[in-house]
PDB file of all heavy atoms in Angstrom:
ATOM      1  N   ALA A   1     -27.643 -37.046  25.944  1.00  0.00           N
ATOM      2  CA  ALA A   1     -26.839 -35.828  25.805  1.00  0.00           C
ATOM      3  C   ALA A   1     -27.721 -34.646  25.393  1.00  0.00           C
ATOM      4  O   ALA A   1     -27.547 -33.520  25.882  1.00  0.00           O
ATOM      5  CB  ALA A   1     -25.729 -36.048  24.776  1.00  0.00           C
ATOM      6  N   LEU A   2     -28.680 -34.905  24.486  1.00  0.00           N
ATOM      7  CA  LEU A   2     -29.596 -33.852  24.041  1.00  0.00           C
ATOM      8  C   LEU A   2     -30.469 -33.370  25.198  1.00  0.00           C
ATOM      9  O   LEU A   2     -30.660 -32.166  25.380  1.00  0.00           O
ATOM     10  CB  LEU A   2     -30.467 -34.381  22.903  1.00  0.00           C
ATOM     11  CG  LEU A   2     -31.522 -33.407  22.351  1.00  0.00           C
ATOM     12  CD1 LEU A   2     -30.856 -32.178  21.749  1.00  0.00           C
ATOM     13  CD2 LEU A   2     -32.398 -34.109  21.306  1.00  0.00           C
ATOM     14  N   ALA A   3     -30.999 -34.312  25.987  1.00  0.00           N
ATOM     15  CA  ALA A   3     -31.858 -33.951  27.121  1.00  0.00           C
ATOM     16  C   ALA A   3     -31.110 -33.077  28.115  1.00  0.00           C
ATOM     17  O   ALA A   3     -31.645 -32.084  28.614  1.00  0.00           O
ATOM     18  CB  ALA A   3     -32.368 -35.214  27.809  1.00  0.00           C
ATOM     19  N   GLN A   4     -29.861 -33.433  28.383  1.00  0.00           N
ATOM     20  CA  GLN A   4     -29.072 -32.638  29.315  1.00  0.00           C
ATOM     21  C   GLN A   4     -28.840 -31.226  28.771  1.00  0.00           C
ATOM     22  O   GLN A   4     -28.933 -30.238  29.506  1.00  0.00           O
ATOM     23  CB  GLN A   4     -27.733 -33.315  29.595  1.00  0.00           C
ATOM     24  CG  GLN A   4     -26.943 -32.620  30.717  1.00  0.00           C
ATOM     25  CD  GLN A   4     -25.539 -33.158  30.860  1.00  0.00           C
ATOM     26  OE1 GLN A   4     -24.861 -33.435  29.868  1.00  0.00           O
ATOM     27  NE2 GLN A   4     -25.087 -33.304  32.097  1.00  0.00           N
ATOM     28  N   ALA A   5     -28.573 -31.123  27.470  1.00  0.00           N
ATOM     29  CA  ALA A   5     -28.353 -29.808  26.851  1.00  0.00           C
ATOM     30  C   ALA A   5     -29.619 -28.966  26.905  1.00  0.00           C
ATOM     31  O   ALA A   5     -29.563 -27.754  27.166  1.00  0.00           O
ATOM     32  CB  ALA A   5     -27.889 -29.983  25.407  1.00  0.00           C
ATOM     33  N   VAL A   6     -30.782 -29.588  26.674  1.00  0.00           N
ATOM     34  CA  VAL A   6     -32.070 -28.880  26.708  1.00  0.00           C
ATOM     35  C   VAL A   6     -32.351 -28.357  28.122  1.00  0.00           C
ATOM     36  O   VAL A   6     -32.790 -27.214  28.304  1.00  0.00           O
ATOM     37  CB  VAL A   6     -33.210 -29.807  26.229  1.00  0.00           C
ATOM     38  CG1 VAL A   6     -34.576 -29.181  26.501  1.00  0.00           C
ATOM     39  CG2 VAL A   6     -33.062 -30.086  24.734  1.00  0.00           C
ATOM     40  N   VAL A   7     -32.095 -29.188  29.128  1.00  0.00           N
ATOM     41  CA  VAL A   7     -32.314 -28.781  30.524  1.00  0.00           C
ATOM     42  C   VAL A   7     -31.381 -27.621  30.896  1.00  0.00           C
ATOM     43  O   VAL A   7     -31.786 -26.689  31.586  1.00  0.00           O
ATOM     44  CB  VAL A   7     -32.105 -29.984  31.469  1.00  0.00           C
ATOM     45  CG1 VAL A   7     -32.072 -29.524  32.932  1.00  0.00           C
ATOM     46  CG2 VAL A   7     -33.215 -31.008  31.280  1.00  0.00           C
ATOM     47  N   LYS A   8     -30.142 -27.678  30.420  1.00  0.00           N
ATOM     48  CA  LYS A   8     -29.184 -26.610  30.716  1.00  0.00           C
ATOM     49  C   LYS A   8     -29.609 -25.279  30.093  1.00  0.00           C
ATOM     50  O   LYS A   8     -29.221 -24.214  30.569  1.00  0.00           O
ATOM     51  CB  LYS A   8     -27.789 -27.000  30.205  1.00  0.00           C
ATOM     52  CG  LYS A   8     -27.073 -28.008  31.098  1.00  0.00           C
ATOM     53  CD  LYS A   8     -25.673 -28.304  30.571  1.00  0.00           C
ATOM     54  CE  LYS A   8     -24.924 -29.243  31.505  1.00  0.00           C
ATOM     55  NZ  LYS A   8     -23.566 -29.567  30.994  1.00  0.00           N
ATOM     56  N   LEU A   9     -30.417 -25.352  29.029  1.00  0.00           N
ATOM     57  CA  LEU A   9     -30.929 -24.127  28.389  1.00  0.00           C
ATOM     58  C   LEU A   9     -32.114 -23.541  29.156  1.00  0.00           C
ATOM     59  O   LEU A   9     -32.629 -22.491  28.789  1.00  0.00           O
ATOM     60  CB  LEU A   9     -31.332 -24.415  26.944  1.00  0.00           C
ATOM     61  CG  LEU A   9     -30.191 -24.632  25.947  1.00  0.00           C
ATOM     62  CD1 LEU A   9     -30.736 -25.087  24.599  1.00  0.00           C
ATOM     63  CD2 LEU A   9     -29.373 -23.350  25.779  1.00  0.00           C
ATOM     64  N   GLY A  10     -32.568 -24.257  30.195  1.00  0.00           N
ATOM     65  CA  GLY A  10     -33.647 -23.728  31.022  1.00  0.00           C
ATOM     66  C   GLY A  10     -35.014 -24.311  30.740  1.00  0.00           C
ATOM     67  O   GLY A  10     -36.008 -23.867  31.314  1.00  0.00           O
ATOM     68  N   TYR A  11     -35.079 -25.325  29.864  1.00  0.00           N
ATOM     69  CA  TYR A  11     -36.365 -25.956  29.555  1.00  0.00           C
ATOM     70  C   TYR A  11     -36.609 -27.122  30.504  1.00  0.00           C
ATOM     71  O   TYR A  11     -35.681 -27.832  30.894  1.00  0.00           O
ATOM     72  CB  TYR A  11     -36.386 -26.478  28.117  1.00  0.00           C
ATOM     73  CG  TYR A  11     -36.310 -25.397  27.071  1.00  0.00           C
ATOM     74  CD1 TYR A  11     -35.086 -25.066  26.476  1.00  0.00           C
ATOM     75  CD2 TYR A  11     -37.443 -24.704  26.671  1.00  0.00           C
ATOM     76  CE1 TYR A  11     -35.007 -24.064  25.510  1.00  0.00           C
ATOM     77  CE2 TYR A  11     -37.374 -23.707  25.703  1.00  0.00           C
ATOM     78  CZ  TYR A  11     -36.159 -23.389  25.135  1.00  0.00           C
ATOM     79  OH  TYR A  11     -36.079 -22.400  24.191  1.00  0.00           O
ATOM     80  N   ALA A  12     -37.874 -27.323  30.868  1.00  0.00           N
ATOM     81  CA  ALA A  12     -38.265 -28.505  31.630  1.00  0.00           C
ATOM     82  C   ALA A  12     -38.669 -29.578  30.632  1.00  0.00           C
ATOM     83  O   ALA A  12     -39.260 -29.275  29.594  1.00  0.00           O
ATOM     84  CB  ALA A  12     -39.426 -28.186  32.568  1.00  0.00           C
ATOM     85  N   ILE A  13     -38.342 -30.820  30.929  1.00  0.00           N
ATOM     86  CA  ILE A  13     -38.682 -31.907  30.013  1.00  0.00           C
ATOM     87  C   ILE A  13     -39.542 -32.948  30.724  1.00  0.00           C
ATOM     88  O   ILE A  13     -39.523 -33.058  31.944  1.00  0.00           O
ATOM     89  CB  ILE A  13     -37.418 -32.588  29.436  1.00  0.00           C
ATOM     90  CG1 ILE A  13     -36.595 -33.245  30.557  1.00  0.00           C
ATOM     91  CG2 ILE A  13     -36.580 -31.595  28.657  1.00  0.00           C
ATOM     92  CD1 ILE A  13     -35.443 -34.086  30.054  1.00  0.00           C
ATOM     93  N   ARG A  14     -40.291 -33.690  29.928  1.00  0.00           N
ATOM     94  CA  ARG A  14     -41.042 -34.828  30.458  1.00  0.00           C
ATOM     95  C   ARG A  14     -40.576 -36.085  29.731  1.00  0.00           C
ATOM     96  O   ARG A  14     -40.534 -36.139  28.506  1.00  0.00           O
ATOM     97  CB  ARG A  14     -42.556 -34.635  30.320  1.00  0.00           C
ATOM     98  CG  ARG A  14     -43.068 -34.301  28.937  1.00  0.00           C
ATOM     99  CD  ARG A  14     -44.586 -34.146  28.922  1.00  0.00           C
ATOM    100  NE  ARG A  14     -45.066 -33.760  27.600  1.00  0.00           N
ATOM    101  CZ  ARG A  14     -45.285 -32.492  27.228  1.00  0.00           C
ATOM    102  NH1 ARG A  14     -45.072 -31.512  28.090  1.00  0.00           N
ATOM    103  NH2 ARG A  14     -45.730 -32.217  26.004  1.00  0.00           N
ATOM    104  N   HIS A  15     -40.208 -37.065  30.515  1.00  0.00           N
ATOM    105  CA  HIS A  15     -39.675 -38.330  30.014  1.00  0.00           C
ATOM    106  C   HIS A  15     -40.843 -39.165  29.485  1.00  0.00           C
ATOM    107  O   HIS A  15     -41.783 -39.431  30.224  1.00  0.00           O
ATOM    108  CB  HIS A  15     -38.983 -39.029  31.187  1.00  0.00           C
ATOM    109  CG  HIS A  15     -38.119 -40.165  30.778  1.00  0.00           C
ATOM    110  ND1 HIS A  15     -37.363 -40.881  31.671  1.00  0.00           N
ATOM    111  CD2 HIS A  15     -37.880 -40.735  29.575  1.00  0.00           C
ATOM    112  CE1 HIS A  15     -36.708 -41.830  31.047  1.00  0.00           C
ATOM    113  NE2 HIS A  15     -36.998 -41.765  29.771  1.00  0.00           N
ATOM    114  N   THR A  16     -40.801 -39.576  28.233  1.00  0.00           N
ATOM    115  CA  THR A  16     -41.951 -40.272  27.642  1.00  0.00           C
ATOM    116  C   THR A  16     -41.698 -41.745  27.334  1.00  0.00           C
ATOM    117  O   THR A  16     -42.636 -42.526  27.283  1.00  0.00           O
ATOM    118  CB  THR A  16     -42.389 -39.579  26.340  1.00  0.00           C
ATOM    119  OG1 THR A  16     -41.291 -39.583  25.410  1.00  0.00           O
ATOM    120  CG2 THR A  16     -42.817 -38.147  26.613  1.00  0.00           C
ATOM    121  N   HIS A  17     -40.425 -42.131  27.109  1.00  0.00           N
ATOM    122  CA  HIS A  17     -40.126 -43.516  26.742  1.00  0.00           C
ATOM    123  C   HIS A  17     -38.828 -43.973  27.420  1.00  0.00           C
ATOM    124  O   HIS A  17     -37.943 -43.161  27.699  1.00  0.00           O
ATOM    125  CB  HIS A  17     -39.963 -43.667  25.222  1.00  0.00           C
ATOM    126  CG  HIS A  17     -41.209 -43.410  24.441  1.00  0.00           C
ATOM    127  ND1 HIS A  17     -41.681 -42.123  24.198  1.00  0.00           N
ATOM    128  CD2 HIS A  17     -42.097 -44.258  23.849  1.00  0.00           C
ATOM    129  CE1 HIS A  17     -42.798 -42.209  23.485  1.00  0.00           C
ATOM    130  NE2 HIS A  17     -43.060 -43.479  23.268  1.00  0.00           N
ATOM    131  N   GLY A  18     -38.732 -45.279  27.615  1.00  0.00           N
ATOM    132  CA  GLY A  18     -37.555 -45.834  28.265  1.00  0.00           C
ATOM    133  C   GLY A  18     -36.285 -45.726  27.448  1.00  0.00           C
ATOM    134  O   GLY A  18     -35.184 -45.895  27.981  1.00  0.00           O
ATOM    135  N   ASP A  19     -36.414 -45.443  26.145  1.00  0.00           N
ATOM    136  CA  ASP A  19     -35.229 -45.317  25.296  1.00  0.00           C
ATOM    137  C   ASP A  19     -34.692 -43.892  25.256  1.00  0.00           C
ATOM    138  O   ASP A  19     -33.858 -43.561  24.420  1.00  0.00           O
ATOM    139  CB  ASP A  19     -35.530 -45.801  23.876  1.00  0.00           C
ATOM    140  CG  ASP A  19     -36.619 -44.969  23.189  1.00  0.00           C
ATOM    141  OD1 ASP A  19     -37.122 -44.013  23.806  1.00  0.00           O
ATOM    142  OD2 ASP A  19     -36.970 -45.292  22.039  1.00  0.00           O
ATOM    143  N   GLY A  20     -35.185 -43.042  26.178  1.00  0.00           N
ATOM    144  CA  GLY A  20     -34.647 -41.692  26.290  1.00  0.00           C
ATOM    145  C   GLY A  20     -35.406 -40.617  25.539  1.00  0.00           C
ATOM    146  O   GLY A  20     -35.028 -39.448  25.569  1.00  0.00           O
ATOM    147  N   ARG A  21     -36.494 -40.994  24.887  1.00  0.00           N
ATOM    148  CA  ARG A  21     -37.296 -39.970  24.208  1.00  0.00           C
ATOM    149  C   ARG A  21     -37.978 -39.074  25.241  1.00  0.00           C
ATOM    150  O   ARG A  21     -38.389 -39.544  26.302  1.00  0.00           O
ATOM    151  CB  ARG A  21     -38.331 -40.611  23.292  1.00  0.00           C
ATOM    152  CG  ARG A  21     -37.780 -41.050  21.940  1.00  0.00           C
ATOM    153  CD  ARG A  21     -38.834 -41.749  21.115  1.00  0.00           C
ATOM    154  NE  ARG A  21     -39.034 -43.137  21.553  1.00  0.00           N
ATOM    155  CZ  ARG A  21     -39.979 -43.936  21.074  1.00  0.00           C
ATOM    156  NH1 ARG A  21     -40.837 -43.478  20.173  1.00  0.00           N
ATOM    157  NH2 ARG A  21     -40.094 -45.176  21.507  1.00  0.00           N
ATOM    158  N   PHE A  22     -38.071 -37.801  24.922  1.00  0.00           N
ATOM    159  CA  PHE A  22     -38.662 -36.847  25.856  1.00  0.00           C
ATOM    160  C   PHE A  22     -39.347 -35.727  25.089  1.00  0.00           C
ATOM    161  O   PHE A  22     -39.168 -35.586  23.874  1.00  0.00           O
ATOM    162  CB  PHE A  22     -37.580 -36.261  26.776  1.00  0.00           C
ATOM    163  CG  PHE A  22     -36.539 -35.431  26.052  1.00  0.00           C
ATOM    164  CD1 PHE A  22     -36.699 -34.061  25.888  1.00  0.00           C
ATOM    165  CD2 PHE A  22     -35.399 -36.030  25.525  1.00  0.00           C
ATOM    166  CE1 PHE A  22     -35.748 -33.306  25.213  1.00  0.00           C
ATOM    167  CE2 PHE A  22     -34.441 -35.276  24.847  1.00  0.00           C
ATOM    168  CZ  PHE A  22     -34.614 -33.913  24.695  1.00  0.00           C
ATOM    169  N   GLU A  23     -40.152 -34.959  25.804  1.00  0.00           N
ATOM    170  CA  GLU A  23     -40.830 -33.793  25.232  1.00  0.00           C
ATOM    171  C   GLU A  23     -40.558 -32.589  26.119  1.00  0.00           C
ATOM    172  O   GLU A  23     -40.210 -32.740  27.301  1.00  0.00           O
ATOM    173  CB  GLU A  23     -42.340 -34.057  25.144  1.00  0.00           C
ATOM    174  CG  GLU A  23     -42.689 -35.215  24.218  1.00  0.00           C
ATOM    175  CD  GLU A  23     -44.140 -35.666  24.340  1.00  0.00           C
ATOM    176  OE1 GLU A  23     -44.854 -35.106  25.221  1.00  0.00           O
ATOM    177  OE2 GLU A  23     -44.563 -36.562  23.589  1.00  0.00           O
ATOM    178  N   ILE A  24     -40.703 -31.401  25.555  1.00  0.00           N
ATOM    179  CA  ILE A  24     -40.499 -30.173  26.320  1.00  0.00           C
ATOM    180  C   ILE A  24     -41.811 -29.760  26.973  1.00  0.00           C
ATOM    181  O   ILE A  24     -42.848 -29.686  26.301  1.00  0.00           O
ATOM    182  CB  ILE A  24     -39.962 -29.044  25.413  1.00  0.00           C
ATOM    183  CG1 ILE A  24     -38.559 -29.409  24.900  1.00  0.00           C
ATOM    184  CG2 ILE A  24     -39.919 -27.713  26.161  1.00  0.00           C
ATOM    185  CD1 ILE A  24     -37.978 -28.411  23.930  1.00  0.00           C
ATOM    186  N   GLU A  25     -41.757 -29.516  28.267  1.00  0.00           N
ATOM    187  CA  GLU A  25     -42.946 -29.066  28.995  1.00  0.00           C
ATOM    188  C   GLU A  25     -43.412 -27.718  28.423  1.00  0.00           C
ATOM    189  O   GLU A  25     -42.604 -26.859  28.096  1.00  0.00           O
ATOM    190  CB  GLU A  25     -42.626 -28.891  30.487  1.00  0.00           C
ATOM    191  CG  GLU A  25     -42.377 -30.189  31.234  1.00  0.00           C
ATOM    192  CD  GLU A  25     -43.648 -30.967  31.511  1.00  0.00           C
ATOM    193  OE1 GLU A  25     -44.733 -30.531  31.070  1.00  0.00           O
ATOM    194  OE2 GLU A  25     -43.551 -32.028  32.154  1.00  0.00           O
ATOM    195  N   GLY A  26     -44.727 -27.581  28.296  1.00  0.00           N
ATOM    196  CA  GLY A  26     -45.273 -26.341  27.743  1.00  0.00           C
ATOM    197  C   GLY A  26     -45.692 -26.477  26.300  1.00  0.00           C
ATOM    198  O   GLY A  26     -46.343 -25.591  25.744  1.00  0.00           O
TER     199      GLY A  26
END
């Protein structure tokens, strides 16, 4: 849910772990 909200704000994300952890590109 957090990843989807971050993407909707215009940020690109990179998927880092199978449990849904991610980082913001840049």
